[in-house]
């Protein structure tokens, strides 16, 4: 009896009844859609959460440089692709990091809003101080006039001395006359007028004008938490540039050890290790606050991991690998990261 022919729902190829998977496209022949299948397909397709992840995770954490070396040897289906590993681990890390980031932004906003309330109270108190200052200046002028002949000053010089003691003309913590700016804000003056009171000039460039606009926005609201939040939001984007820069540093240190793509594979796996470690730390800190000594040990362990990974992946001596590991770490931590933080801080302030 002739077996009934089936048809693949995906590529419409003819199938035999005993086939569980289509030999042409690989789709399961009887793939009924359920919640479980939908969830599994989503995880599997976008994050490759399958046996390869489990096979890759343990070597990633316990065998520095192993996965990168195996990938270059051609074993590219046995273990998870380096970019997929990095994507999956980074998503978990930023999910856990978002809780800490939210806590920091809320705490900063609360603290700055309290400061704003204090400033309002101090502004009210400054009115009384101004009245007291007026009395003081009147007494000073009277004293100078009574002793005018003795100290050798004329009327104009007395007026100049008294005027120099005028209350509130000095620049305060924001770098401009806050009392004058507060007065303009109180009467709902145009922003352009307030910017001039803050020190902006008509011929300033776009970046400077934007900085004044954001400074006034911050001065009014004290929403520093939003600036911090904007800073945190740019970190994932920055890491897509930091990882290639790290690979470029490794390339400079190992010029004769393969193409740039080889160093990029190494960097993907190393950053995956870093994000895994940091994810574990953030997860533990959500339950129990870890001491600074443990944080230091963790930072040291990531350096040791990099040291061993470089030694195994590039096959050079321990001493030379240690020197190159130190150079790479110093260049990245002391130069690349601070420069990136400064750029992100400016970007976050200008566009929050």
Protein backbone atom coordinates (compact mmCIF):
# COMPACT_ATOMS: atom_id res chain seq x y z
CA UNK A 1 0.00 0.00 0.00
CA UNK A 2 1.42 3.39 -0.97
CA UNK A 3 2.18 5.68 1.90
CA UNK A 4 0.31 8.95 2.03
CA UNK A 5 2.49 11.88 0.95
CA UNK A 6 2.68 14.91 3.19
CA UNK A 7 3.60 18.49 2.44
CA UNK A 8 5.85 20.80 4.48
CA UNK A 9 3.85 23.80 5.69
CA UNK A 10 6.92 26.02 5.41
CA UNK A 11 8.56 25.25 2.03
CA UNK A 12 5.76 23.03 0.59
CA UNK A 13 8.17 20.20 -0.21
CA UNK A 14 6.81 16.67 -0.51
CA UNK A 15 7.39 14.59 2.61
CA UNK A 16 7.01 10.96 3.54
CA UNK A 17 4.83 10.07 6.49
CA UNK A 18 7.73 8.86 8.65
CA UNK A 19 9.55 12.19 8.37
CA UNK A 20 9.53 14.21 11.61
CA UNK A 21 11.46 17.09 10.06
CA UNK A 22 11.52 18.49 6.54
CA UNK A 23 14.79 17.47 4.82
CA UNK A 24 14.67 20.65 2.76
CA UNK A 25 14.15 23.42 5.37
CA UNK A 26 14.38 21.54 8.70
CA UNK A 27 10.97 22.57 10.07
CA UNK A 28 9.10 20.04 12.20
CA UNK A 29 6.37 18.31 10.17
CA UNK A 30 3.77 18.33 12.95
CA UNK A 31 4.52 21.62 14.68
CA UNK A 32 1.25 22.52 16.42
CA UNK A 33 1.26 26.02 17.86
CA UNK A 34 0.92 26.06 21.65
CA UNK A 35 2.01 28.50 24.33
CA UNK A 36 5.00 26.28 25.11
CA UNK A 37 6.05 26.05 21.46
CA UNK A 38 5.64 29.81 20.98
CA UNK A 39 7.75 30.59 24.06
CA UNK A 40 10.45 28.07 23.13
CA UNK A 41 10.67 29.32 19.54
CA UNK A 42 11.02 32.91 20.72
CA UNK A 43 13.85 32.09 23.10
CA UNK A 44 15.51 29.70 20.66
CA UNK A 45 15.35 32.01 17.64
CA UNK A 46 16.41 35.23 19.28
CA UNK A 47 18.70 34.06 22.05
CA UNK A 48 19.59 30.51 20.93
CA UNK A 49 18.67 29.17 24.35
CA UNK A 50 19.33 25.54 23.55
CA UNK A 51 21.86 22.83 24.33
CA UNK A 52 24.63 24.95 22.80
CA UNK A 53 24.17 27.58 25.49
CA UNK A 54 24.54 25.01 28.25
CA UNK A 55 27.57 23.54 26.49
CA UNK A 56 29.08 27.02 26.18
CA UNK A 57 28.31 28.44 29.62
CA UNK A 58 30.50 26.15 31.73
CA UNK A 59 33.62 26.53 29.49
CA UNK A 60 33.00 30.28 29.38
CA UNK A 61 33.20 30.53 33.17
CA UNK A 62 35.86 27.88 33.88
CA UNK A 63 38.12 27.76 30.80
CA UNK A 64 39.40 31.24 29.83
CA UNK A 65 40.06 31.51 26.09
CA UNK A 66 38.72 28.03 25.35
CA UNK A 67 35.57 28.98 23.43
CA UNK A 68 37.35 31.57 21.29
CA UNK A 69 40.05 29.08 20.36
CA UNK A 70 37.50 26.36 19.49
CA UNK A 71 35.50 28.82 17.39
CA UNK A 72 38.57 29.67 15.30
CA UNK A 73 39.36 25.97 14.96
CA UNK A 74 36.04 25.56 13.15
CA UNK A 75 33.76 24.21 15.88
CA UNK A 76 31.12 26.87 15.24
CA UNK A 77 27.95 24.82 15.65
CA UNK A 78 28.97 22.89 18.75
CA UNK A 79 29.12 26.05 20.88
CA UNK A 80 27.04 29.22 20.93
CA UNK A 81 28.13 31.91 18.48
CA UNK A 82 30.17 34.62 20.29
CA UNK A 83 27.85 37.46 19.23
CA UNK A 84 24.78 35.48 20.32
CA UNK A 85 26.40 34.67 23.64
CA UNK A 86 27.22 38.35 24.17
CA UNK A 87 23.70 39.46 23.22
CA UNK A 88 21.99 36.95 25.50
CA UNK A 89 24.16 37.67 28.54
CA UNK A 90 24.05 41.46 28.04
CA UNK A 91 20.22 41.41 27.93
CA UNK A 92 20.16 39.61 31.29
CA UNK A 93 22.74 42.02 32.73
CA UNK A 94 20.90 45.19 31.73
CA UNK A 95 17.63 43.75 32.97
CA UNK A 96 19.14 43.27 36.43
CA UNK A 97 21.04 46.55 36.21
CA UNK A 98 17.80 48.44 35.49
CA UNK A 99 16.63 47.84 39.07
CA UNK A 100 19.80 49.38 40.49
CA UNK A 101 19.67 52.23 37.98
CA UNK A 102 16.07 53.04 38.90
CA UNK A 103 16.98 53.06 42.58
CA UNK A 104 19.85 55.49 41.94
CA UNK A 105 17.78 57.85 39.79
CA UNK A 106 14.91 57.94 42.31
CA UNK A 107 17.31 58.59 45.21
CA UNK A 108 19.06 61.40 43.33
CA UNK A 109 15.78 63.05 42.33
CA UNK A 110 14.55 62.87 45.95
CA UNK A 111 17.75 64.42 47.28
CA UNK A 112 17.76 67.22 44.70
CA UNK A 113 14.09 68.02 45.26
CA UNK A 114 14.82 68.36 48.98
CA UNK A 115 17.62 70.74 48.07
CA UNK A 116 15.19 72.75 45.94
CA UNK A 117 12.79 73.06 48.89
CA UNK A 118 15.67 74.25 51.07
CA UNK A 119 16.59 76.82 48.44
CA UNK A 120 13.03 78.17 48.53
CA UNK A 121 13.21 78.53 52.32
CA UNK A 122 16.63 80.16 52.06
CA UNK A 123 15.27 82.57 49.46
CA UNK A 124 12.59 83.69 51.90
CA UNK A 125 15.19 84.05 54.63
CA UNK A 126 17.42 86.05 52.29
CA UNK A 127 14.76 88.78 52.14
CA UNK A 128 15.18 89.33 55.86
CA UNK A 129 18.95 89.20 55.39
CA UNK A 130 18.66 91.85 52.69
CA UNK A 131 16.75 94.12 55.07
CA UNK A 132 19.38 93.62 57.73
CA UNK A 133 22.07 94.29 55.14
CA UNK A 134 20.44 97.60 54.19
CA UNK A 135 20.57 98.73 57.83
CA UNK A 136 24.21 97.65 58.02
CA UNK A 137 25.11 99.64 54.91
CA UNK A 138 23.33 102.73 56.26
CA UNK A 139 25.28 102.47 59.51
CA UNK A 140 28.52 101.94 57.56
CA UNK A 141 27.88 105.06 55.50
CA UNK A 142 27.08 107.09 58.61
CA UNK A 143 30.28 105.92 60.31
CA UNK A 144 32.43 106.73 57.27
CA UNK A 145 30.91 110.20 56.95
CA UNK A 146 31.56 110.92 60.64
CA UNK A 147 35.19 109.93 60.25
CA UNK A 148 35.65 111.24 56.74
CA UNK A 149 38.40 113.68 57.62
CA UNK A 150 40.21 111.13 59.77
CA UNK A 151 40.44 108.35 57.16
CA UNK A 152 40.83 110.73 54.19
CA UNK A 153 37.99 109.74 51.87
CA UNK A 154 35.56 111.89 49.87
CA UNK A 155 31.83 111.43 49.29
CA UNK A 156 32.26 109.44 46.04
CA UNK A 157 34.71 107.07 47.68
CA UNK A 158 32.30 106.51 50.57
CA UNK A 159 29.49 105.69 48.13
CA UNK A 160 31.80 103.27 46.31
CA UNK A 161 32.77 101.48 49.53
CA UNK A 162 29.13 101.12 50.58
CA UNK A 163 28.04 99.91 47.11
CA UNK A 164 30.77 97.26 47.08
CA UNK A 165 29.09 95.65 50.08
CA UNK A 166 25.77 95.29 48.23
CA UNK A 167 24.00 92.06 49.06
CA UNK A 168 23.71 89.24 46.52
CA UNK A 169 25.96 90.39 43.70
CA UNK A 170 28.48 87.60 44.03
CA UNK A 171 28.19 84.43 41.92
CA UNK A 172 27.00 81.44 43.88
CA UNK A 173 27.25 77.69 43.37
CA UNK A 174 25.70 77.63 39.90
CA UNK A 175 28.20 80.12 38.52
CA UNK A 176 25.68 82.92 37.99
CA UNK A 177 23.66 85.40 40.07
CA UNK A 178 20.96 83.06 41.39
CA UNK A 179 19.01 85.88 43.06
CA UNK A 180 18.63 87.69 39.75
CA UNK A 181 17.67 84.51 37.90
CA UNK A 182 15.13 83.64 40.62
CA UNK A 183 13.57 87.10 40.23
CA UNK A 184 13.26 86.66 36.45
CA UNK A 185 11.72 83.20 36.87
CA UNK A 186 9.26 84.58 39.41
CA UNK A 187 7.95 87.21 36.99
CA UNK A 188 7.79 84.62 34.13
CA UNK A 189 10.44 86.35 32.07
CA UNK A 190 11.36 85.02 28.63
CA UNK A 191 14.04 82.32 28.59
CA UNK A 192 16.25 84.48 26.37
CA UNK A 193 16.33 87.15 29.09
CA UNK A 194 17.14 84.56 31.74
CA UNK A 195 19.94 83.10 29.60
CA UNK A 196 21.54 86.54 29.39
CA UNK A 197 21.33 86.88 33.17
CA UNK A 198 23.10 83.52 33.41
CA UNK A 199 25.92 84.80 31.18
CA UNK A 200 24.99 83.62 27.67
CA UNK A 201 26.05 85.86 24.79
CA UNK A 202 24.29 86.39 21.47
CA UNK A 203 27.26 85.09 19.46
CA UNK A 204 27.64 81.84 21.44
CA UNK A 205 27.57 78.67 19.34
CA UNK A 206 24.77 76.11 19.30
CA UNK A 207 26.43 73.80 21.81
CA UNK A 208 26.91 76.62 24.35
CA UNK A 209 23.33 77.81 23.94
CA UNK A 210 22.08 74.26 24.37
CA UNK A 211 24.14 73.95 27.56
CA UNK A 212 22.56 77.14 28.97
CA UNK A 213 19.09 75.84 28.10
CA UNK A 214 19.72 72.56 29.88
CA UNK A 215 21.33 74.35 32.84
CA UNK A 216 18.19 76.47 33.27
CA UNK A 217 16.03 73.35 32.94
CA UNK A 218 18.04 71.65 35.68
CA UNK A 219 18.06 74.80 37.85
CA UNK A 220 14.27 74.98 37.72
CA UNK A 221 13.51 71.32 38.34
CA UNK A 222 16.63 69.79 39.97
CA UNK A 223 15.86 66.63 37.95
CA UNK A 224 19.34 65.19 38.20
CA UNK A 225 17.88 61.72 38.41
CA UNK A 226 16.62 62.09 34.83
CA UNK A 227 20.12 63.05 33.72
CA UNK A 228 21.49 59.99 35.47
CA UNK A 229 18.77 57.89 33.86
CA UNK A 230 19.69 59.23 30.41
CA UNK A 231 23.31 58.38 31.18
CA UNK A 232 22.40 54.81 32.10
CA UNK A 233 20.27 54.47 28.97
CA UNK A 234 23.24 55.27 26.72
CA UNK A 235 25.52 52.63 28.28
CA UNK A 236 24.22 49.68 26.17
CA UNK A 237 24.78 51.71 23.00
CA UNK A 238 28.25 52.74 24.16
CA UNK A 239 29.22 49.13 24.78
CA UNK A 240 28.72 48.33 21.11
CA UNK A 241 31.58 50.77 20.50
CA UNK A 242 33.66 49.87 23.54
CA UNK A 243 33.87 46.18 22.63
CA UNK A 244 35.38 46.84 19.16
CA UNK A 245 37.77 49.35 20.75
CA UNK A 246 38.89 46.69 23.22
CA UNK A 247 39.39 44.26 20.32
CA UNK A 248 41.44 46.94 18.54
CA UNK A 249 43.69 47.32 21.61
CA UNK A 250 44.22 43.55 21.61
CA UNK A 251 44.96 43.72 17.88
CA UNK A 252 47.70 46.29 18.50
CA UNK A 253 49.25 44.08 21.17
CA UNK A 254 49.06 40.96 18.98
CA UNK A 255 49.62 42.35 15.48
CA UNK A 256 50.90 39.07 14.04
CA UNK A 257 48.26 36.86 15.68
CA UNK A 258 45.47 36.83 13.13
CA UNK A 259 42.97 39.22 11.61
CA UNK A 260 40.91 41.77 13.54
CA UNK A 261 37.93 39.38 13.40
CA UNK A 262 39.92 36.88 15.50
CA UNK A 263 40.44 39.45 18.23
CA UNK A 264 36.78 40.42 17.99
CA UNK A 265 35.75 36.81 18.68
CA UNK A 266 38.02 36.79 21.74
CA UNK A 267 36.52 40.09 22.94
CA UNK A 268 32.93 38.87 22.50
CA UNK A 269 33.55 35.90 24.75
CA UNK A 270 35.50 37.94 27.31
CA UNK A 271 32.77 40.58 27.56
CA UNK A 272 30.23 37.77 27.86
CA UNK A 273 32.20 36.54 30.87
CA UNK A 274 32.26 40.05 32.37
CA UNK A 275 28.51 40.52 31.95
CA UNK A 276 27.86 37.09 33.45
CA UNK A 277 29.94 37.94 36.52
CA UNK A 278 28.31 41.36 36.90
CA UNK A 279 24.85 39.83 36.46
CA UNK A 280 25.55 37.42 39.30
CA UNK A 281 26.81 40.30 41.47
CA UNK A 282 23.76 42.49 40.79
CA UNK A 283 21.47 39.54 41.42
CA UNK A 284 23.11 38.82 44.79
CA UNK A 285 23.12 42.51 45.76
CA UNK A 286 19.38 42.65 45.21
CA UNK A 287 19.11 40.15 48.08
CA UNK A 288 22.16 40.88 50.20
CA UNK A 289 24.60 43.80 50.09
CA UNK A 290 28.12 42.56 49.27
CA UNK A 291 31.10 44.09 51.06
CA UNK A 292 33.74 46.17 49.26
CA UNK A 293 36.38 43.50 49.86
CA UNK A 294 34.35 40.98 47.83
CA UNK A 295 33.88 43.55 45.07
CA UNK A 296 37.66 43.98 44.98
CA UNK A 297 38.19 40.22 44.74
CA UNK A 298 35.71 40.05 41.87
CA UNK A 299 37.50 42.86 40.01
CA UNK A 300 40.79 41.02 40.54
CA UNK A 301 39.31 37.76 39.27
CA UNK A 302 38.27 39.37 35.97
CA UNK A 303 41.87 40.54 35.45
CA UNK A 304 43.21 37.05 36.21
CA UNK A 305 40.64 35.56 33.81
CA UNK A 306 41.80 37.91 31.04
CA UNK A 307 45.43 37.08 31.79
CA UNK A 308 44.86 33.33 31.47
CA UNK A 309 42.62 33.77 28.43
CA UNK A 310 45.29 35.77 26.58
CA UNK A 311 47.93 33.21 27.46
CA UNK A 312 45.86 30.27 26.19
CA UNK A 313 44.35 31.94 23.13
CA UNK A 314 47.50 33.57 21.75
CA UNK A 315 49.98 31.00 23.05
CA UNK A 316 52.66 33.39 24.33
CA UNK A 317 54.67 33.12 27.57
CA UNK A 318 53.23 33.87 31.00
CA UNK A 319 55.39 36.96 31.60
CA UNK A 320 54.72 38.48 28.19
CA UNK A 321 51.02 37.68 28.51
CA UNK A 322 50.94 39.38 31.93
CA UNK A 323 52.57 42.52 30.53
CA UNK A 324 50.18 42.69 27.59
CA UNK A 325 47.23 42.00 29.88
CA UNK A 326 48.30 44.90 32.10
CA UNK A 327 48.73 47.23 29.12
CA UNK A 328 45.32 46.29 27.70
CA UNK A 329 43.60 46.67 31.08
CA UNK A 330 45.27 50.01 31.86
CA UNK A 331 44.55 51.42 28.39
CA UNK A 332 40.91 50.42 28.57
CA UNK A 333 40.21 51.41 32.19
CA UNK A 334 42.38 54.54 32.44
CA UNK A 335 41.85 56.00 28.96
CA UNK A 336 38.93 54.51 27.03
CA UNK A 337 36.36 54.19 29.82
CA UNK A 338 36.92 57.68 31.39
CA UNK A 339 36.73 59.28 27.94
CA UNK A 340 33.53 57.40 27.22
CA UNK A 341 32.01 58.34 30.57
CA UNK A 342 32.79 62.01 29.93
CA UNK A 343 31.17 61.88 26.48
CA UNK A 344 28.11 60.06 27.81
CA UNK A 345 27.77 62.54 30.69
CA UNK A 346 27.78 65.50 28.30
CA UNK A 347 25.34 63.72 25.97
CA UNK A 348 23.03 62.84 28.86
CA UNK A 349 23.02 66.44 30.15
CA UNK A 350 22.39 67.97 26.73
CA UNK A 351 19.60 65.61 25.66
CA UNK A 352 17.86 64.33 28.81
